[in-house]
Amino acid sequence: METVKRQALSEIEIFQDLTDQEMEEMDRSTTMSTCESGRVFYGPAEVGEVLFLLKKGRVQLYRLSPEGKKLVVAILEKGSIFGEMSLVGQGMHNTFAEAIEECTLCVMSRMDVEHIIEEKPQVALRFLESMAIRLQETEAKLEDLAFKSIPVRLAALLQDLASDSHSGDTIEGYTHQDLAEMLGTYRETATQTLNEFKSHGWVEIERKRIRIVDPGGLEILAQP
């Protein structure tokens, strides 16, 4: 288990400057856990401030409106860290973290994170870079919500998801509800917009599967 943890930590970019001895010390201060798909492993009721290191799988961070509407804030791939905003007093107090496929996580306490930051300035700088990127992504998402229409945002989202897939033109594993939550809209709106894309010949739609057949059409729409 210790070897697995050290390997997991070494794959996280912010820790790449650590020596083997420092990695061993970190290994002793972290815990490793697995989460099955669909499990919400962190929520607003949690009081502990921790740093999560995603070794395997994918995680979605989301928030709920007072009416219960779900807004996906981020989809995180392996190698990502999250919970780092607790270091500047922001925490994840309004955020849920859910495994959207089986995940392996390393977890560090705030005290252990602060210790390594004090000892290794390079790690502190990489934490700041990580937080800056996360803030930029959040600002871009808010700008999209405020100024771009649902079709434009959906076209851009499909392009992003397709670029992350192995095939390059096929998006699998997402329901219309999933897409709606990532856009901050209702399922019916996402479905209607997808059907419009299909009528234009831009996509083909199957159950949990969307194939982009006219990437040029989506490209034009995504960049009005």
Protein backbone atom coordinates (compact mmCIF):
# COMPACT_ATOMS: atom_id res chain seq x y z
CA MET A 1 0.00 0.00 0.00
CA GLU A 2 2.82 2.42 0.83
CA THR A 3 4.39 1.89 -2.61
CA VAL A 4 1.04 2.56 -4.25
CA LYS A 5 0.60 5.76 -2.22
CA ARG A 6 4.08 7.02 -3.08
CA GLN A 7 3.40 6.36 -6.76
CA ALA A 8 0.10 8.23 -6.49
CA LEU A 9 1.76 11.22 -4.84
CA SER A 10 4.59 11.29 -7.37
CA GLU A 11 2.06 11.61 -10.19
CA ILE A 12 0.64 14.83 -8.72
CA GLU A 13 2.37 17.74 -10.44
CA ILE A 14 2.63 20.00 -7.40
CA PHE A 15 4.80 17.42 -5.60
CA GLN A 16 7.28 16.82 -8.41
CA ASP A 17 10.07 18.77 -6.64
CA LEU A 18 10.07 16.56 -3.55
CA THR A 19 12.97 14.22 -2.80
CA ASP A 20 12.46 10.49 -2.23
CA GLN A 21 12.83 11.02 1.53
CA GLU A 22 10.23 13.80 1.50
CA MET A 23 7.90 11.60 -0.52
CA GLU A 24 8.27 8.87 2.11
CA GLU A 25 7.38 11.39 4.83
CA MET A 26 4.31 12.45 2.89
CA ASP A 27 3.41 8.83 2.36
CA ARG A 28 3.21 8.32 6.12
CA SER A 29 0.95 11.35 6.57
CA THR A 30 -1.63 10.47 3.93
CA THR A 31 -4.44 7.97 3.82
CA MET A 32 -5.71 6.21 0.72
CA SER A 33 -9.31 5.26 0.02
CA THR A 34 -11.44 4.00 -2.85
CA CYS A 35 -14.90 5.25 -3.80
CA GLU A 36 -17.41 3.44 -5.95
CA SER A 37 -19.13 5.26 -8.77
CA GLY A 38 -21.98 7.48 -7.59
CA ARG A 39 -20.73 7.91 -4.04
CA VAL A 40 -20.79 11.43 -2.59
CA PHE A 41 -17.72 11.38 -0.36
CA TYR A 42 -17.61 15.06 0.62
CA GLY A 43 -20.42 17.51 1.37
CA PRO A 44 -21.23 20.81 3.08
CA ALA A 45 -21.73 19.03 6.41
CA GLU A 46 -18.05 17.97 6.53
CA VAL A 47 -16.08 19.96 9.09
CA GLY A 48 -12.54 18.73 8.38
CA GLU A 49 -10.39 20.65 5.93
CA VAL A 50 -8.48 18.21 3.77
CA LEU A 51 -6.66 18.03 0.47
CA PHE A 52 -7.75 15.34 -1.98
CA LEU A 53 -5.33 13.86 -4.51
CA LEU A 54 -7.09 11.97 -7.30
CA LYS A 55 -5.02 8.92 -8.23
CA LYS A 56 -7.58 7.16 -10.41
CA GLY A 57 -11.02 7.85 -11.86
CA ARG A 58 -13.06 11.02 -12.25
CA VAL A 59 -14.80 13.26 -9.72
CA GLN A 60 -17.40 15.96 -10.16
CA LEU A 61 -17.67 18.95 -7.85
CA TYR A 62 -21.13 20.48 -7.69
CA ARG A 63 -23.36 22.81 -5.73
CA LEU A 64 -27.09 22.82 -5.05
CA SER A 65 -29.35 25.86 -5.21
CA PRO A 66 -31.92 26.41 -2.42
CA GLU A 67 -34.46 24.86 -4.82
CA GLY A 68 -32.29 21.76 -5.24
CA LYS A 69 -31.01 22.55 -8.73
CA LYS A 70 -27.59 21.03 -9.32
CA LEU A 71 -24.71 22.94 -10.93
CA VAL A 72 -21.55 21.03 -11.76
CA VAL A 73 -18.59 23.27 -10.95
CA ALA A 74 -15.84 21.01 -12.30
CA ILE A 75 -15.11 17.56 -13.67
CA LEU A 76 -11.72 16.39 -12.38
CA GLU A 77 -9.50 13.77 -14.01
CA LYS A 78 -6.78 11.64 -12.41
CA GLY A 79 -3.78 13.64 -11.24
CA SER A 80 -6.01 16.49 -10.03
CA ILE A 81 -6.02 17.99 -6.56
CA PHE A 82 -9.03 19.59 -4.89
CA GLY A 83 -9.83 21.07 -1.53
CA GLU A 84 -6.81 23.37 -1.87
CA MET A 85 -8.97 26.49 -1.43
CA SER A 86 -9.20 25.66 2.29
CA LEU A 87 -5.62 26.92 2.56
CA VAL A 88 -6.82 30.46 1.89
CA GLY A 89 -9.96 30.23 3.99
CA GLN A 90 -12.35 29.35 1.15
CA GLY A 91 -12.86 25.68 1.91
CA MET A 92 -15.44 23.49 0.15
CA HIS A 93 -18.25 24.36 2.53
CA ASN A 94 -20.94 24.64 -0.16
CA THR A 95 -19.57 21.93 -2.43
CA PHE A 96 -20.31 18.25 -2.93
CA ALA A 97 -17.69 15.86 -4.32
CA GLU A 98 -19.03 12.77 -6.11
CA ALA A 99 -17.18 9.92 -7.80
CA ILE A 100 -18.58 9.60 -11.32
CA GLU A 101 -16.58 6.42 -11.81
CA GLU A 102 -14.62 4.25 -9.39
CA CYS A 103 -11.93 6.44 -7.81
CA THR A 104 -8.78 6.05 -5.77
CA LEU A 105 -7.99 9.02 -3.53
CA CYS A 106 -5.13 10.09 -1.30
CA VAL A 107 -6.17 12.43 1.51
CA MET A 108 -4.01 14.89 3.46
CA SER A 109 -5.00 16.94 6.49
CA ARG A 110 -4.66 20.71 6.46
CA MET A 111 -1.92 20.49 9.09
CA ASP A 112 0.16 18.17 6.90
CA VAL A 113 -0.37 20.36 3.84
CA GLU A 114 0.67 23.49 5.74
CA HIS A 115 3.76 21.72 7.02
CA ILE A 116 4.98 20.74 3.58
CA ILE A 117 4.24 24.21 2.21
CA GLU A 118 6.33 25.78 4.97
CA GLU A 119 9.19 23.39 4.27
CA LYS A 120 9.04 23.46 0.44
CA PRO A 121 8.43 26.87 -1.17
CA GLN A 122 8.27 25.22 -4.61
CA VAL A 123 5.19 23.28 -3.51
CA ALA A 124 3.61 26.49 -2.22
CA LEU A 125 4.13 28.12 -5.63
CA ARG A 126 2.53 25.17 -7.38
CA PHE A 127 -0.43 25.36 -5.00
CA LEU A 128 -0.86 29.01 -5.95
CA GLU A 129 -0.71 28.12 -9.65
CA SER A 130 -3.33 25.43 -9.11
CA MET A 131 -5.65 27.82 -7.28
CA ALA A 132 -5.16 30.49 -9.97
CA ILE A 133 -6.13 28.02 -12.70
CA ARG A 134 -9.20 26.90 -10.73
CA LEU A 135 -10.28 30.52 -10.24
CA GLN A 136 -9.80 31.28 -13.94
CA GLU A 137 -11.94 28.28 -14.86
CA THR A 138 -14.65 29.37 -12.42
CA GLU A 139 -14.63 32.92 -13.78
CA ALA A 140 -14.88 31.61 -17.35
CA LYS A 141 -17.83 29.42 -16.37
CA LEU A 142 -19.62 32.35 -14.71
CA GLU A 143 -18.99 34.48 -17.80
CA ASP A 144 -20.47 31.77 -20.01
CA LEU A 145 -23.53 31.50 -17.77
CA ALA A 146 -24.05 35.25 -17.88
CA PHE A 147 -23.39 36.04 -21.54
CA LYS A 148 -23.70 32.92 -23.72
CA SER A 149 -26.82 31.11 -24.86
CA ILE A 150 -27.52 27.45 -24.10
CA PRO A 151 -26.80 26.30 -27.71
CA VAL A 152 -23.43 28.08 -27.73
CA ARG A 153 -22.46 26.63 -24.33
CA LEU A 154 -23.63 23.14 -25.27
CA ALA A 155 -21.66 23.21 -28.52
CA ALA A 156 -18.51 24.20 -26.62
CA LEU A 157 -19.16 21.54 -23.96
CA LEU A 158 -19.57 18.79 -26.57
CA GLN A 159 -16.31 19.87 -28.18
CA ASP A 160 -14.51 19.70 -24.83
CA LEU A 161 -15.94 16.29 -23.95
CA ALA A 162 -15.12 14.91 -27.39
CA SER A 163 -11.53 16.14 -27.16
CA ASP A 164 -11.17 14.23 -23.88
CA SER A 165 -12.57 10.98 -25.31
CA HIS A 166 -10.48 8.23 -26.87
CA SER A 167 -12.29 8.34 -30.21
CA GLY A 168 -12.24 12.10 -30.62
CA ASP A 169 -15.75 12.35 -32.05
CA THR A 170 -17.87 10.22 -29.72
CA ILE A 171 -18.99 11.18 -26.20
CA GLU A 172 -20.08 8.29 -24.00
CA GLY A 173 -21.38 7.91 -20.48
CA TYR A 174 -23.29 11.19 -20.13
CA THR A 175 -27.07 11.45 -19.80
CA HIS A 176 -29.03 14.52 -20.84
CA GLN A 177 -29.37 15.28 -17.13
CA ASP A 178 -25.58 15.19 -16.74
CA LEU A 179 -25.15 17.66 -19.59
CA ALA A 180 -27.85 19.93 -18.17
CA GLU A 181 -26.12 20.02 -14.78
CA MET A 182 -22.81 20.89 -16.41
CA LEU A 183 -24.51 23.74 -18.25
CA GLY A 184 -26.52 24.97 -15.28
CA THR A 185 -29.86 24.45 -17.02
CA TYR A 186 -32.79 22.00 -17.04
CA ARG A 187 -32.77 18.54 -18.61
CA GLU A 188 -35.64 19.44 -20.92
CA THR A 189 -33.66 22.39 -22.26
CA ALA A 190 -30.58 20.26 -22.87
CA THR A 191 -32.65 17.61 -24.64
CA GLN A 192 -34.40 20.17 -26.84
CA THR A 193 -31.08 21.75 -27.80
CA LEU A 194 -29.51 18.37 -28.59
CA ASN A 195 -32.49 17.55 -30.82
CA GLU A 196 -31.95 20.84 -32.64
CA PHE A 197 -28.29 19.92 -33.17
CA LYS A 198 -29.43 16.56 -34.53
CA SER A 199 -31.90 18.18 -36.94
CA HIS A 200 -29.04 20.33 -38.30
CA GLY A 201 -26.98 17.19 -38.87
CA TRP A 202 -24.30 18.14 -36.37
CA VAL A 203 -24.69 15.16 -34.01
CA GLU A 204 -26.18 11.71 -33.75
CA ILE A 205 -27.80 10.81 -30.43
CA GLU A 206 -28.10 7.43 -28.73
CA ARG A 207 -28.55 6.42 -25.11
CA LYS A 208 -25.59 7.87 -23.15
CA ARG A 209 -23.79 8.32 -26.46
CA ILE A 210 -23.40 11.36 -28.72
CA ARG A 211 -21.40 11.28 -31.93
CA ILE A 212 -20.28 14.51 -33.54
CA VAL A 213 -20.77 14.16 -37.30
CA ASP A 214 -20.20 17.80 -38.26
CA PRO A 215 -17.48 19.27 -36.04
CA GLY A 216 -17.30 22.34 -38.28
CA GLY A 217 -20.92 23.20 -37.58
CA LEU A 218 -20.39 22.97 -33.83
CA GLU A 219 -17.17 24.96 -34.10
CA ILE A 220 -18.97 27.85 -35.79
CA LEU A 221 -21.75 27.80 -33.19
CA ALA A 222 -19.36 27.55 -30.23
CA GLN A 223 -17.52 30.70 -31.32
CA PRO A 224 -20.23 33.23 -32.24
